[in-house]
Amino acid sequence: MQKTMGDMAKFLKQLIPVNIPERYTINSMFRNISDEEDIRNGVLAFRDFLYRFCDCLISDNTICDVPKKGKKKFSDETTLTVEFPFLNNIKSILINIGQHGILSEKGDSLLVNGWELLSVKRSLNKNSTAKISVPQMIKSMRFLTECGIDFDGIDLSMKKTDISKIEAVEITYPDYPIMLTGWKVLGIAQNELSSRKNDDILLRCDC
C-alpha cells in the first residue's frame, strides 16, 4: 500500500524523541558552538520544531510528492530519497543549514554563504552529491516559512529566482531563536554521526 505524505509525517513524528534528559554529556565537537545549557535548550527547541514541521505536513493537503521513476527502494523500507523526494530535499536543506550555517554571536541567526552550500544533496552512502533544482529549493523553502523559519537574502515570492545574485542567505526562527543553536548542533551531528540506518530521519535528536 502506497504511503501518503501525511502517513510519512505521522511516522516521522513518532520517531522524534519524547523524553530528552535534562542533563547529558555534550560531545567535545559541539562545545565551541555555544555553552552547554544553550545547546541542551536548543536541542529541545529543535525537537519541538520537528513536531511543528510534521504537524504542518499532516495538515497541509496541498502538498504532494511524486516518487522518482526508475528508482528502487531498499527491501521493504520506505526511503525519503525514492518515495518522498520533497521530504528528502527538506532534509538536505536542514542538514546544509545546520552544517554550513554560521551562528551569529547573539545566537539569533544562521548565515549560509552561497546558494551552492544551501542546495547540495548527498547520497545515502555519502559518497556522491547532487544539486536540488532551483524550483524544488524554492518549493521547500516556502514550506519551511510556513513552519516558522524566515529566509533573508532571497525573495521567495518571485516566480523565477536568479540564484547568481544570491551571495548569502540568513536564516532566523523568530518564535524561539534558541532553536538555531540546536539546529546547528544537530546538523553537524547528522553529518558526522549518522549512518545508513538512520539517514532517512530528519536530524534525529538522539544522534
N, C-alpha and C. Protein backbone atom coordinates (compact mmCIF):
# COMPACT_ATOMS: atom_id res chain seq x y z
N MET A 1 0.85 -1.20 0.00
CA MET A 1 0.00 0.00 0.00
C MET A 1 0.88 1.25 0.00
N GLN A 2 0.60 2.19 -0.90
CA GLN A 2 1.41 3.40 -1.02
C GLN A 2 1.19 4.33 0.18
N LYS A 3 2.28 4.74 0.78
CA LYS A 3 2.19 5.69 1.89
C LYS A 3 2.02 7.10 1.35
N THR A 4 1.17 7.89 2.01
CA THR A 4 0.97 9.27 1.62
C THR A 4 1.95 10.17 2.38
N MET A 5 1.99 11.44 1.99
CA MET A 5 2.85 12.39 2.69
C MET A 5 2.45 12.49 4.16
N GLY A 6 1.14 12.54 4.42
CA GLY A 6 0.67 12.60 5.80
C GLY A 6 1.07 11.37 6.59
N ASP A 7 0.99 10.19 5.95
CA ASP A 7 1.40 8.95 6.62
C ASP A 7 2.87 9.02 7.02
N MET A 8 3.70 9.51 6.09
CA MET A 8 5.13 9.59 6.35
C MET A 8 5.41 10.59 7.47
N ALA A 9 4.69 11.71 7.47
CA ALA A 9 4.88 12.72 8.51
C ALA A 9 4.49 12.15 9.88
N LYS A 10 3.41 11.39 9.93
CA LYS A 10 2.99 10.77 11.18
C LYS A 10 4.03 9.76 11.66
N PHE A 11 4.60 9.03 10.70
CA PHE A 11 5.65 8.06 11.03
C PHE A 11 6.88 8.76 11.60
N LEU A 12 7.32 9.83 10.93
CA LEU A 12 8.48 10.57 11.40
C LEU A 12 8.24 11.18 12.77
N LYS A 13 7.02 11.68 12.98
CA LYS A 13 6.69 12.31 14.27
C LYS A 13 6.82 11.31 15.41
N GLN A 14 6.47 10.06 15.15
CA GLN A 14 6.58 9.03 16.18
C GLN A 14 8.03 8.73 16.53
N LEU A 15 8.96 9.00 15.63
CA LEU A 15 10.36 8.71 15.85
C LEU A 15 11.10 9.83 16.59
N ILE A 16 10.47 10.98 16.69
CA ILE A 16 11.10 12.10 17.40
C ILE A 16 11.13 11.78 18.89
N PRO A 17 12.29 11.85 19.52
CA PRO A 17 12.39 11.51 20.95
C PRO A 17 11.48 12.37 21.81
N VAL A 18 10.68 11.71 22.62
CA VAL A 18 9.76 12.42 23.52
C VAL A 18 10.48 12.90 24.77
N ASN A 19 11.25 12.00 25.36
CA ASN A 19 11.94 12.31 26.61
C ASN A 19 13.44 12.48 26.37
N ILE A 20 13.88 13.72 26.43
CA ILE A 20 15.30 14.03 26.31
C ILE A 20 15.79 14.44 27.70
N PRO A 21 16.82 13.79 28.24
CA PRO A 21 17.30 14.10 29.59
C PRO A 21 17.66 15.58 29.75
N GLU A 22 17.43 16.09 30.96
CA GLU A 22 17.80 17.48 31.24
C GLU A 22 19.31 17.65 31.26
N ARG A 23 20.01 16.62 31.68
CA ARG A 23 21.47 16.68 31.74
C ARG A 23 22.07 15.51 30.99
N TYR A 24 23.04 15.79 30.14
CA TYR A 24 23.78 14.75 29.44
C TYR A 24 25.09 15.36 28.98
N THR A 25 26.06 14.50 28.72
CA THR A 25 27.37 14.97 28.32
C THR A 25 27.35 15.48 26.89
N ILE A 26 27.91 16.66 26.66
CA ILE A 26 27.99 17.24 25.32
C ILE A 26 29.30 16.81 24.67
N ASN A 27 29.19 16.23 23.48
CA ASN A 27 30.36 15.82 22.73
C ASN A 27 31.28 17.02 22.51
N SER A 28 32.57 16.81 22.62
CA SER A 28 33.54 17.90 22.52
C SER A 28 33.48 18.63 21.18
N MET A 29 33.00 17.97 20.11
CA MET A 29 32.94 18.61 18.81
C MET A 29 31.92 19.75 18.75
N PHE A 30 31.03 19.81 19.76
CA PHE A 30 29.99 20.83 19.75
C PHE A 30 30.24 21.98 20.74
N ARG A 31 31.25 21.85 21.57
CA ARG A 31 31.40 22.80 22.68
C ARG A 31 31.85 24.19 22.25
N ASN A 32 32.35 24.30 21.02
CA ASN A 32 32.73 25.64 20.54
C ASN A 32 31.56 26.37 19.90
N ILE A 33 30.41 25.72 19.81
CA ILE A 33 29.23 26.35 19.20
C ILE A 33 28.54 27.27 20.19
N SER A 34 28.38 26.80 21.41
CA SER A 34 27.72 27.59 22.44
C SER A 34 27.96 26.92 23.78
N ASP A 35 27.45 27.53 24.87
CA ASP A 35 27.64 26.86 26.17
C ASP A 35 26.68 25.68 26.27
N GLU A 36 26.96 24.80 27.19
CA GLU A 36 26.24 23.53 27.25
C GLU A 36 24.75 23.71 27.53
N GLU A 37 24.40 24.68 28.36
CA GLU A 37 22.98 24.90 28.66
C GLU A 37 22.22 25.34 27.42
N ASP A 38 22.82 26.24 26.63
CA ASP A 38 22.17 26.68 25.40
C ASP A 38 22.05 25.54 24.39
N ILE A 39 23.05 24.67 24.35
CA ILE A 39 22.99 23.53 23.43
C ILE A 39 21.84 22.61 23.82
N ARG A 40 21.71 22.31 25.10
CA ARG A 40 20.63 21.43 25.55
C ARG A 40 19.27 22.06 25.28
N ASN A 41 19.14 23.35 25.59
CA ASN A 41 17.87 24.04 25.33
C ASN A 41 17.59 24.13 23.84
N GLY A 42 18.65 24.31 23.04
CA GLY A 42 18.49 24.37 21.60
C GLY A 42 18.02 23.05 21.01
N VAL A 43 18.56 21.94 21.53
CA VAL A 43 18.14 20.62 21.07
C VAL A 43 16.66 20.39 21.38
N LEU A 44 16.23 20.79 22.57
CA LEU A 44 14.81 20.68 22.93
C LEU A 44 13.95 21.52 22.00
N ALA A 45 14.42 22.73 21.70
CA ALA A 45 13.67 23.62 20.82
C ALA A 45 13.60 23.07 19.40
N PHE A 46 14.69 22.45 18.94
CA PHE A 46 14.65 21.87 17.60
C PHE A 46 13.72 20.67 17.57
N ARG A 47 13.70 19.90 18.65
CA ARG A 47 12.75 18.78 18.75
C ARG A 47 11.33 19.30 18.59
N ASP A 48 11.01 20.41 19.27
CA ASP A 48 9.67 20.98 19.17
C ASP A 48 9.39 21.51 17.77
N PHE A 49 10.43 22.04 17.11
CA PHE A 49 10.26 22.48 15.72
C PHE A 49 9.91 21.30 14.82
N LEU A 50 10.54 20.15 15.04
CA LEU A 50 10.24 18.97 14.24
C LEU A 50 8.78 18.55 14.40
N TYR A 51 8.27 18.66 15.64
CA TYR A 51 6.85 18.38 15.84
C TYR A 51 6.00 19.34 15.00
N ARG A 52 6.36 20.61 15.05
CA ARG A 52 5.63 21.62 14.27
C ARG A 52 5.71 21.32 12.78
N PHE A 53 6.89 20.96 12.33
CA PHE A 53 7.11 20.63 10.92
C PHE A 53 6.21 19.47 10.49
N CYS A 54 6.19 18.42 11.28
CA CYS A 54 5.36 17.25 10.94
C CYS A 54 3.88 17.61 10.96
N ASP A 55 3.46 18.42 11.94
CA ASP A 55 2.06 18.82 12.01
C ASP A 55 1.66 19.65 10.78
N CYS A 56 2.58 20.49 10.30
CA CYS A 56 2.30 21.28 9.09
C CYS A 56 2.13 20.37 7.88
N LEU A 57 2.96 19.34 7.79
CA LEU A 57 2.85 18.38 6.69
C LEU A 57 1.53 17.63 6.75
N ILE A 58 1.14 17.24 7.94
CA ILE A 58 -0.09 16.47 8.12
C ILE A 58 -1.32 17.31 7.77
N SER A 59 -1.30 18.58 8.14
CA SER A 59 -2.47 19.44 7.98
C SER A 59 -2.57 20.09 6.60
N ASP A 60 -1.46 20.15 5.85
CA ASP A 60 -1.46 20.83 4.56
C ASP A 60 -1.78 19.83 3.44
N ASN A 61 -3.01 19.88 2.97
CA ASN A 61 -3.44 18.94 1.94
C ASN A 61 -2.99 19.32 0.53
N THR A 62 -2.34 20.49 0.39
CA THR A 62 -1.94 20.95 -0.94
C THR A 62 -0.59 20.37 -1.35
N ILE A 63 0.14 19.80 -0.40
CA ILE A 63 1.47 19.27 -0.70
C ILE A 63 1.36 17.84 -1.19
N CYS A 64 2.01 17.56 -2.28
CA CYS A 64 2.05 16.19 -2.79
C CYS A 64 3.49 15.86 -3.17
N ASP A 65 3.78 14.59 -3.24
CA ASP A 65 5.12 14.15 -3.60
C ASP A 65 5.01 13.06 -4.63
N VAL A 66 5.92 13.06 -5.58
CA VAL A 66 5.90 12.08 -6.66
C VAL A 66 7.14 11.22 -6.56
N PRO A 67 6.98 9.90 -6.38
CA PRO A 67 8.16 9.02 -6.30
C PRO A 67 9.01 9.13 -7.55
N LYS A 68 10.31 8.96 -7.39
CA LYS A 68 11.21 9.02 -8.54
C LYS A 68 11.02 7.80 -9.43
N LYS A 69 10.92 8.05 -10.72
CA LYS A 69 10.73 6.96 -11.67
C LYS A 69 12.04 6.18 -11.85
N GLY A 70 11.89 4.86 -11.96
CA GLY A 70 13.04 4.03 -12.24
C GLY A 70 13.93 3.76 -11.05
N LYS A 71 13.54 4.26 -9.86
CA LYS A 71 14.35 4.04 -8.66
C LYS A 71 13.71 2.95 -7.82
N LYS A 72 14.55 2.15 -7.17
CA LYS A 72 14.04 1.09 -6.32
C LYS A 72 14.38 1.38 -4.86
N LYS A 73 13.43 1.08 -3.99
CA LYS A 73 13.70 1.25 -2.57
C LYS A 73 14.43 0.02 -2.04
N PHE A 74 15.06 0.16 -0.89
CA PHE A 74 15.81 -0.94 -0.30
C PHE A 74 14.85 -1.89 0.41
N SER A 75 14.81 -3.15 -0.03
CA SER A 75 13.92 -4.19 0.50
C SER A 75 12.51 -3.61 0.64
N ASP A 76 11.91 -3.70 1.83
CA ASP A 76 10.56 -3.18 2.03
C ASP A 76 10.55 -1.84 2.74
N GLU A 77 11.70 -1.24 2.88
CA GLU A 77 11.78 0.04 3.58
C GLU A 77 11.23 1.17 2.71
N THR A 78 10.64 2.15 3.36
CA THR A 78 10.25 3.37 2.67
C THR A 78 11.40 4.35 2.82
N THR A 79 11.96 4.82 1.73
CA THR A 79 13.07 5.76 1.82
C THR A 79 12.65 7.12 1.30
N LEU A 80 13.16 8.16 1.97
CA LEU A 80 12.86 9.52 1.53
C LEU A 80 13.37 9.76 0.13
N THR A 81 14.55 9.25 -0.17
CA THR A 81 15.18 9.51 -1.45
C THR A 81 14.31 9.08 -2.62
N VAL A 82 13.72 7.89 -2.52
CA VAL A 82 12.97 7.32 -3.63
C VAL A 82 11.51 7.73 -3.62
N GLU A 83 10.84 7.53 -2.49
CA GLU A 83 9.39 7.69 -2.46
C GLU A 83 8.93 9.09 -2.05
N PHE A 84 9.77 9.84 -1.37
CA PHE A 84 9.38 11.17 -0.92
C PHE A 84 10.50 12.17 -1.20
N PRO A 85 10.76 12.48 -2.46
CA PRO A 85 11.85 13.41 -2.81
C PRO A 85 11.68 14.80 -2.21
N PHE A 86 10.43 15.27 -2.03
CA PHE A 86 10.22 16.57 -1.41
C PHE A 86 10.74 16.57 0.03
N LEU A 87 10.39 15.53 0.78
CA LEU A 87 10.88 15.41 2.15
C LEU A 87 12.39 15.25 2.18
N ASN A 88 12.93 14.52 1.20
CA ASN A 88 14.38 14.34 1.14
C ASN A 88 15.08 15.68 0.87
N ASN A 89 14.48 16.51 0.03
CA ASN A 89 15.04 17.84 -0.22
C ASN A 89 15.03 18.68 1.05
N ILE A 90 13.92 18.61 1.79
CA ILE A 90 13.83 19.35 3.05
C ILE A 90 14.91 18.88 4.01
N LYS A 91 15.07 17.57 4.10
CA LYS A 91 16.10 17.01 4.98
C LYS A 91 17.47 17.55 4.59
N SER A 92 17.77 17.57 3.30
CA SER A 92 19.07 18.06 2.84
C SER A 92 19.26 19.54 3.18
N ILE A 93 18.21 20.33 3.00
CA ILE A 93 18.30 21.76 3.32
C ILE A 93 18.53 21.96 4.82
N LEU A 94 17.82 21.21 5.65
CA LEU A 94 18.01 21.33 7.10
C LEU A 94 19.44 20.97 7.49
N ILE A 95 19.97 19.90 6.90
CA ILE A 95 21.34 19.49 7.19
C ILE A 95 22.32 20.55 6.70
N ASN A 96 22.11 21.07 5.50
CA ASN A 96 23.02 22.07 4.94
C ASN A 96 23.08 23.33 5.80
N ILE A 97 21.92 23.77 6.26
CA ILE A 97 21.88 24.97 7.11
C ILE A 97 22.57 24.69 8.44
N GLY A 98 22.30 23.51 9.01
CA GLY A 98 22.94 23.17 10.27
C GLY A 98 24.45 23.01 10.14
N GLN A 99 24.88 22.38 9.06
CA GLN A 99 26.31 22.14 8.88
C GLN A 99 27.07 23.39 8.48
N HIS A 100 26.54 24.14 7.51
CA HIS A 100 27.28 25.27 6.94
C HIS A 100 26.87 26.63 7.50
N GLY A 101 25.74 26.68 8.19
CA GLY A 101 25.29 27.96 8.73
C GLY A 101 26.21 28.48 9.82
N ILE A 102 26.53 29.76 9.76
CA ILE A 102 27.37 30.40 10.78
C ILE A 102 26.45 31.03 11.82
N LEU A 103 26.54 30.54 13.03
CA LEU A 103 25.68 31.05 14.11
C LEU A 103 26.17 32.42 14.54
N SER A 104 25.26 33.38 14.59
CA SER A 104 25.62 34.74 15.00
C SER A 104 26.05 34.78 16.46
N GLU A 105 26.74 35.84 16.84
CA GLU A 105 27.20 35.96 18.22
C GLU A 105 26.04 35.93 19.21
N LYS A 106 24.92 36.50 18.82
CA LYS A 106 23.74 36.51 19.71
C LYS A 106 22.97 35.19 19.63
N GLY A 107 23.32 34.34 18.66
CA GLY A 107 22.64 33.07 18.52
C GLY A 107 21.25 33.18 17.91
N ASP A 108 20.97 34.31 17.23
CA ASP A 108 19.62 34.52 16.71
C ASP A 108 19.52 34.38 15.20
N SER A 109 20.59 33.92 14.55
CA SER A 109 20.53 33.70 13.10
C SER A 109 21.63 32.74 12.68
N LEU A 110 21.40 32.10 11.53
CA LEU A 110 22.40 31.27 10.88
C LEU A 110 22.62 31.83 9.49
N LEU A 111 23.88 32.01 9.09
CA LEU A 111 24.20 32.59 7.80
C LEU A 111 24.89 31.55 6.93
N VAL A 112 24.28 31.27 5.77
CA VAL A 112 24.87 30.34 4.80
C VAL A 112 25.41 31.17 3.64
N ASN A 113 26.71 31.07 3.41
CA ASN A 113 27.35 31.85 2.36
C ASN A 113 27.30 31.11 1.02
N GLY A 114 26.36 31.49 0.20
CA GLY A 114 26.29 30.92 -1.14
C GLY A 114 25.19 29.90 -1.33
N TRP A 115 24.55 29.96 -2.48
CA TRP A 115 23.47 29.04 -2.84
C TRP A 115 23.98 27.61 -2.96
N GLU A 116 25.23 27.45 -3.39
CA GLU A 116 25.78 26.11 -3.60
C GLU A 116 25.75 25.29 -2.31
N LEU A 117 26.13 25.91 -1.21
CA LEU A 117 26.14 25.20 0.08
C LEU A 117 24.73 24.85 0.54
N LEU A 118 23.78 25.69 0.17
CA LEU A 118 22.41 25.51 0.62
C LEU A 118 21.69 24.41 -0.15
N SER A 119 22.07 24.20 -1.41
CA SER A 119 21.29 23.33 -2.29
C SER A 119 21.93 21.97 -2.57
N VAL A 120 23.04 21.65 -1.92
CA VAL A 120 23.68 20.37 -2.17
C VAL A 120 22.88 19.23 -1.55
N LYS A 121 22.90 18.09 -2.20
CA LYS A 121 22.19 16.91 -1.71
C LYS A 121 23.12 15.72 -1.83
N ARG A 122 23.30 15.00 -0.74
CA ARG A 122 24.24 13.87 -0.76
C ARG A 122 23.49 12.55 -0.84
N SER A 123 24.18 11.53 -1.33
CA SER A 123 23.61 10.20 -1.43
C SER A 123 23.54 9.55 -0.06
N LEU A 124 22.80 8.44 0.03
CA LEU A 124 22.67 7.75 1.31
C LEU A 124 24.00 7.27 1.85
N ASN A 125 24.90 6.85 0.95
CA ASN A 125 26.21 6.37 1.42
C ASN A 125 27.23 7.49 1.55
N LYS A 126 26.79 8.74 1.27
CA LYS A 126 27.62 9.94 1.44
C LYS A 126 28.80 9.99 0.48
N ASN A 127 28.79 9.13 -0.54
CA ASN A 127 29.92 9.09 -1.48
C ASN A 127 29.73 9.99 -2.69
N SER A 128 28.53 10.50 -2.89
CA SER A 128 28.29 11.37 -4.03
C SER A 128 27.30 12.47 -3.67
N THR A 129 27.34 13.54 -4.43
CA THR A 129 26.44 14.66 -4.18
C THR A 129 25.77 15.09 -5.48
N ALA A 130 24.64 15.76 -5.33
CA ALA A 130 23.93 16.34 -6.46
C ALA A 130 23.39 17.68 -5.99
N LYS A 131 22.71 18.37 -6.88
CA LYS A 131 22.12 19.66 -6.54
C LYS A 131 20.60 19.57 -6.59
N ILE A 132 19.95 20.18 -5.62
CA ILE A 132 18.49 20.31 -5.67
C ILE A 132 18.17 21.41 -6.68
N SER A 133 17.24 21.17 -7.56
CA SER A 133 16.90 22.16 -8.58
C SER A 133 16.36 23.43 -7.93
N VAL A 134 16.48 24.53 -8.63
CA VAL A 134 16.00 25.81 -8.09
C VAL A 134 14.50 25.76 -7.78
N PRO A 135 13.64 25.27 -8.70
CA PRO A 135 12.21 25.21 -8.38
C PRO A 135 11.92 24.37 -7.13
N GLN A 136 12.63 23.25 -6.97
CA GLN A 136 12.41 22.41 -5.79
C GLN A 136 12.95 23.08 -4.52
N MET A 137 14.03 23.80 -4.64
CA MET A 137 14.55 24.57 -3.50
C MET A 137 13.53 25.60 -3.04
N ILE A 138 12.99 26.35 -4.00
CA ILE A 138 12.01 27.39 -3.67
C ILE A 138 10.77 26.78 -3.03
N LYS A 139 10.29 25.67 -3.58
CA LYS A 139 9.13 24.98 -3.02
C LYS A 139 9.40 24.57 -1.57
N SER A 140 10.56 24.01 -1.33
CA SER A 140 10.91 23.54 0.01
C SER A 140 11.05 24.70 0.99
N MET A 141 11.71 25.76 0.56
CA MET A 141 11.93 26.90 1.44
C MET A 141 10.62 27.62 1.74
N ARG A 142 9.72 27.69 0.77
CA ARG A 142 8.41 28.28 1.02
C ARG A 142 7.66 27.50 2.08
N PHE A 143 7.76 26.17 2.01
CA PHE A 143 7.08 25.36 3.03
C PHE A 143 7.69 25.59 4.40
N LEU A 144 9.01 25.70 4.46
CA LEU A 144 9.66 25.93 5.75
C LEU A 144 9.24 27.26 6.37
N THR A 145 8.93 28.24 5.54
CA THR A 145 8.44 29.52 6.10
C THR A 145 7.09 29.31 6.78
N GLU A 146 6.30 28.36 6.29
CA GLU A 146 5.02 28.06 6.92
C GLU A 146 5.23 27.40 8.29
N CYS A 147 6.43 26.87 8.50
CA CYS A 147 6.77 26.23 9.77
C CYS A 147 7.48 27.21 10.71
N GLY A 148 7.55 28.48 10.35
CA GLY A 148 8.10 29.49 11.24
C GLY A 148 9.51 29.95 10.92
N ILE A 149 10.13 29.41 9.87
CA ILE A 149 11.50 29.79 9.52
C ILE A 149 11.48 30.94 8.52
N ASP A 150 12.32 31.93 8.74
CA ASP A 150 12.44 33.07 7.83
C ASP A 150 13.76 33.02 7.08
N PHE A 151 13.73 33.38 5.80
CA PHE A 151 14.93 33.43 4.97
C PHE A 151 15.13 34.86 4.49
N ASP A 152 16.28 35.44 4.79
CA ASP A 152 16.61 36.78 4.33
C ASP A 152 17.76 36.68 3.34
N GLY A 153 17.62 37.35 2.19
CA GLY A 153 18.64 37.26 1.16
C GLY A 153 18.12 36.62 -0.11
N ILE A 154 16.86 36.19 -0.07
CA ILE A 154 16.21 35.60 -1.23
C ILE A 154 14.73 35.96 -1.19
N ASP A 155 14.17 36.33 -2.32
CA ASP A 155 12.76 36.66 -2.42
C ASP A 155 12.00 35.43 -2.88
N LEU A 156 11.33 34.78 -1.95
CA LEU A 156 10.63 33.53 -2.26
C LEU A 156 9.30 33.76 -2.97
N SER A 157 8.89 35.01 -3.08
CA SER A 157 7.62 35.32 -3.74
C SER A 157 7.77 35.42 -5.25
N MET A 158 8.98 35.53 -5.75
CA MET A 158 9.21 35.67 -7.18
C MET A 158 8.97 34.33 -7.91
N LYS A 159 8.43 34.43 -9.14
CA LYS A 159 8.19 33.23 -9.93
C LYS A 159 9.50 32.60 -10.40
N LYS A 160 10.46 33.45 -10.77
CA LYS A 160 11.77 32.96 -11.19
C LYS A 160 12.84 33.63 -10.36
N THR A 161 13.72 32.83 -9.81
CA THR A 161 14.77 33.35 -8.92
C THR A 161 16.12 33.27 -9.62
N ASP A 162 16.82 34.39 -9.65
CA ASP A 162 18.17 34.44 -10.22
C ASP A 162 19.16 34.12 -9.11
N ILE A 163 19.58 32.86 -9.03
CA ILE A 163 20.43 32.45 -7.92
C ILE A 163 21.84 33.03 -8.03
N SER A 164 22.21 33.53 -9.21
CA SER A 164 23.54 34.13 -9.37
C SER A 164 23.68 35.41 -8.55
N LYS A 165 22.55 35.99 -8.16
CA LYS A 165 22.57 37.22 -7.38
C LYS A 165 22.53 36.97 -5.87
N ILE A 166 22.43 35.71 -5.50
CA ILE A 166 22.35 35.37 -4.07
C ILE A 166 23.74 35.14 -3.52
N GLU A 167 24.19 36.03 -2.66
CA GLU A 167 25.52 35.91 -2.05
C GLU A 167 25.47 35.13 -0.74
N ALA A 168 24.42 35.34 0.01
CA ALA A 168 24.27 34.66 1.30
C ALA A 168 22.80 34.65 1.68
N VAL A 169 22.42 33.67 2.49
CA VAL A 169 21.05 33.58 2.98
C VAL A 169 21.12 33.51 4.51
N GLU A 170 20.38 34.41 5.15
CA GLU A 170 20.32 34.42 6.62
C GLU A 170 19.03 33.75 7.06
N ILE A 171 19.15 32.83 7.99
CA ILE A 171 18.01 32.06 8.46
C ILE A 171 17.72 32.42 9.91
N THR A 172 16.46 32.72 10.19
CA THR A 172 16.04 33.02 11.56
C THR A 172 14.80 32.21 11.92
N TYR A 173 14.56 32.12 13.22
CA TYR A 173 13.36 31.45 13.75
C TYR A 173 12.81 32.35 14.85
N PRO A 174 12.07 33.39 14.46
CA PRO A 174 11.65 34.43 15.42
C PRO A 174 10.88 33.91 16.62
N ASP A 175 10.12 32.83 16.47
CA ASP A 175 9.31 32.35 17.57
C ASP A 175 10.15 31.86 18.75
N TYR A 176 11.35 31.33 18.46
CA TYR A 176 12.18 30.79 19.54
C TYR A 176 13.61 30.65 19.02
N PRO A 177 14.38 31.74 19.02
CA PRO A 177 15.71 31.75 18.40
C PRO A 177 16.69 30.70 18.90
N ILE A 178 16.55 30.24 20.15
CA ILE A 178 17.49 29.26 20.68
C ILE A 178 17.45 27.97 19.85
N MET A 179 16.37 27.75 19.11
CA MET A 179 16.27 26.58 18.24
C MET A 179 17.42 26.53 17.25
N LEU A 180 17.93 27.70 16.83
CA LEU A 180 19.01 27.74 15.85
C LEU A 180 20.28 27.10 16.38
N THR A 181 20.52 27.22 17.67
CA THR A 181 21.69 26.58 18.29
C THR A 181 21.55 25.06 18.20
N GLY A 182 20.35 24.56 18.52
CA GLY A 182 20.10 23.13 18.40
C GLY A 182 20.21 22.66 16.96
N TRP A 183 19.71 23.48 16.04
CA TRP A 183 19.79 23.17 14.61
C TRP A 183 21.24 23.03 14.16
N LYS A 184 22.08 23.97 14.61
CA LYS A 184 23.50 23.93 14.26
C LYS A 184 24.14 22.65 14.78
N VAL A 185 23.89 22.33 16.03
CA VAL A 185 24.47 21.14 16.65
C VAL A 185 24.00 19.86 15.95
N LEU A 186 22.69 19.77 15.71
CA LEU A 186 22.14 18.55 15.15
C LEU A 186 22.46 18.40 13.66
N GLY A 187 22.65 19.53 12.96
CA GLY A 187 23.09 19.45 11.58
C GLY A 187 24.48 18.84 11.48
N ILE A 188 25.36 19.25 12.37
CA ILE A 188 26.70 18.67 12.40
C ILE A 188 26.65 17.21 12.83
N ALA A 189 25.81 16.92 13.83
CA ALA A 189 25.69 15.54 14.31
C ALA A 189 25.18 14.62 13.21
N GLN A 190 24.19 15.10 12.43
CA GLN A 190 23.66 14.27 11.35
C GLN A 190 24.73 13.99 10.31
N ASN A 191 25.55 14.98 10.02
CA ASN A 191 26.59 14.81 9.01
C ASN A 191 27.73 13.93 9.50
N GLU A 192 28.11 14.09 10.76
CA GLU A 192 29.28 13.39 11.29
C GLU A 192 28.96 12.04 11.92
N LEU A 193 27.77 11.88 12.48
CA LEU A 193 27.49 10.70 13.29
C LEU A 193 26.42 9.78 12.73
N SER A 194 25.71 10.21 11.67
CA SER A 194 24.64 9.37 11.16
C SER A 194 25.22 8.22 10.33
N SER A 195 24.41 7.19 10.17
CA SER A 195 24.78 6.04 9.34
C SER A 195 23.64 5.78 8.37
N ARG A 196 23.82 4.80 7.51
CA ARG A 196 22.76 4.49 6.54
C ARG A 196 21.47 4.07 7.24
N LYS A 197 21.60 3.54 8.46
CA LYS A 197 20.42 3.08 9.18
C LYS A 197 19.49 4.23 9.55
N ASN A 198 20.05 5.37 9.96
CA ASN A 198 19.19 6.46 10.41
C ASN A 198 19.26 7.69 9.51
N ASP A 199 19.80 7.52 8.30
CA ASP A 199 20.00 8.67 7.42
C ASP A 199 18.69 9.19 6.83
N ASP A 200 17.61 8.42 6.92
CA ASP A 200 16.32 8.88 6.44
C ASP A 200 15.60 9.76 7.45
N ILE A 201 16.11 9.87 8.63
CA ILE A 201 15.42 10.59 9.69
C ILE A 201 15.84 12.06 9.69
N LEU A 202 14.90 12.93 9.92
CA LEU A 202 15.14 14.38 9.86
C LEU A 202 15.90 14.87 11.09
N LEU A 203 17.22 14.79 11.03
CA LEU A 203 18.07 15.30 12.10
C LEU A 203 17.60 14.81 13.47
N ARG A 204 17.63 13.51 13.66
CA ARG A 204 17.15 12.94 14.92
C ARG A 204 17.88 13.54 16.10
N CYS A 205 17.13 13.77 17.16
CA CYS A 205 17.70 14.42 18.35
C CYS A 205 18.49 13.46 19.20
N ASP A 206 18.62 12.21 18.77
CA ASP A 206 19.38 11.24 19.57
C ASP A 206 20.57 10.71 18.81
N CYS A 207 21.10 11.52 17.86
CA CYS A 207 22.29 11.08 17.09
C CYS A 207 23.46 10.77 18.00
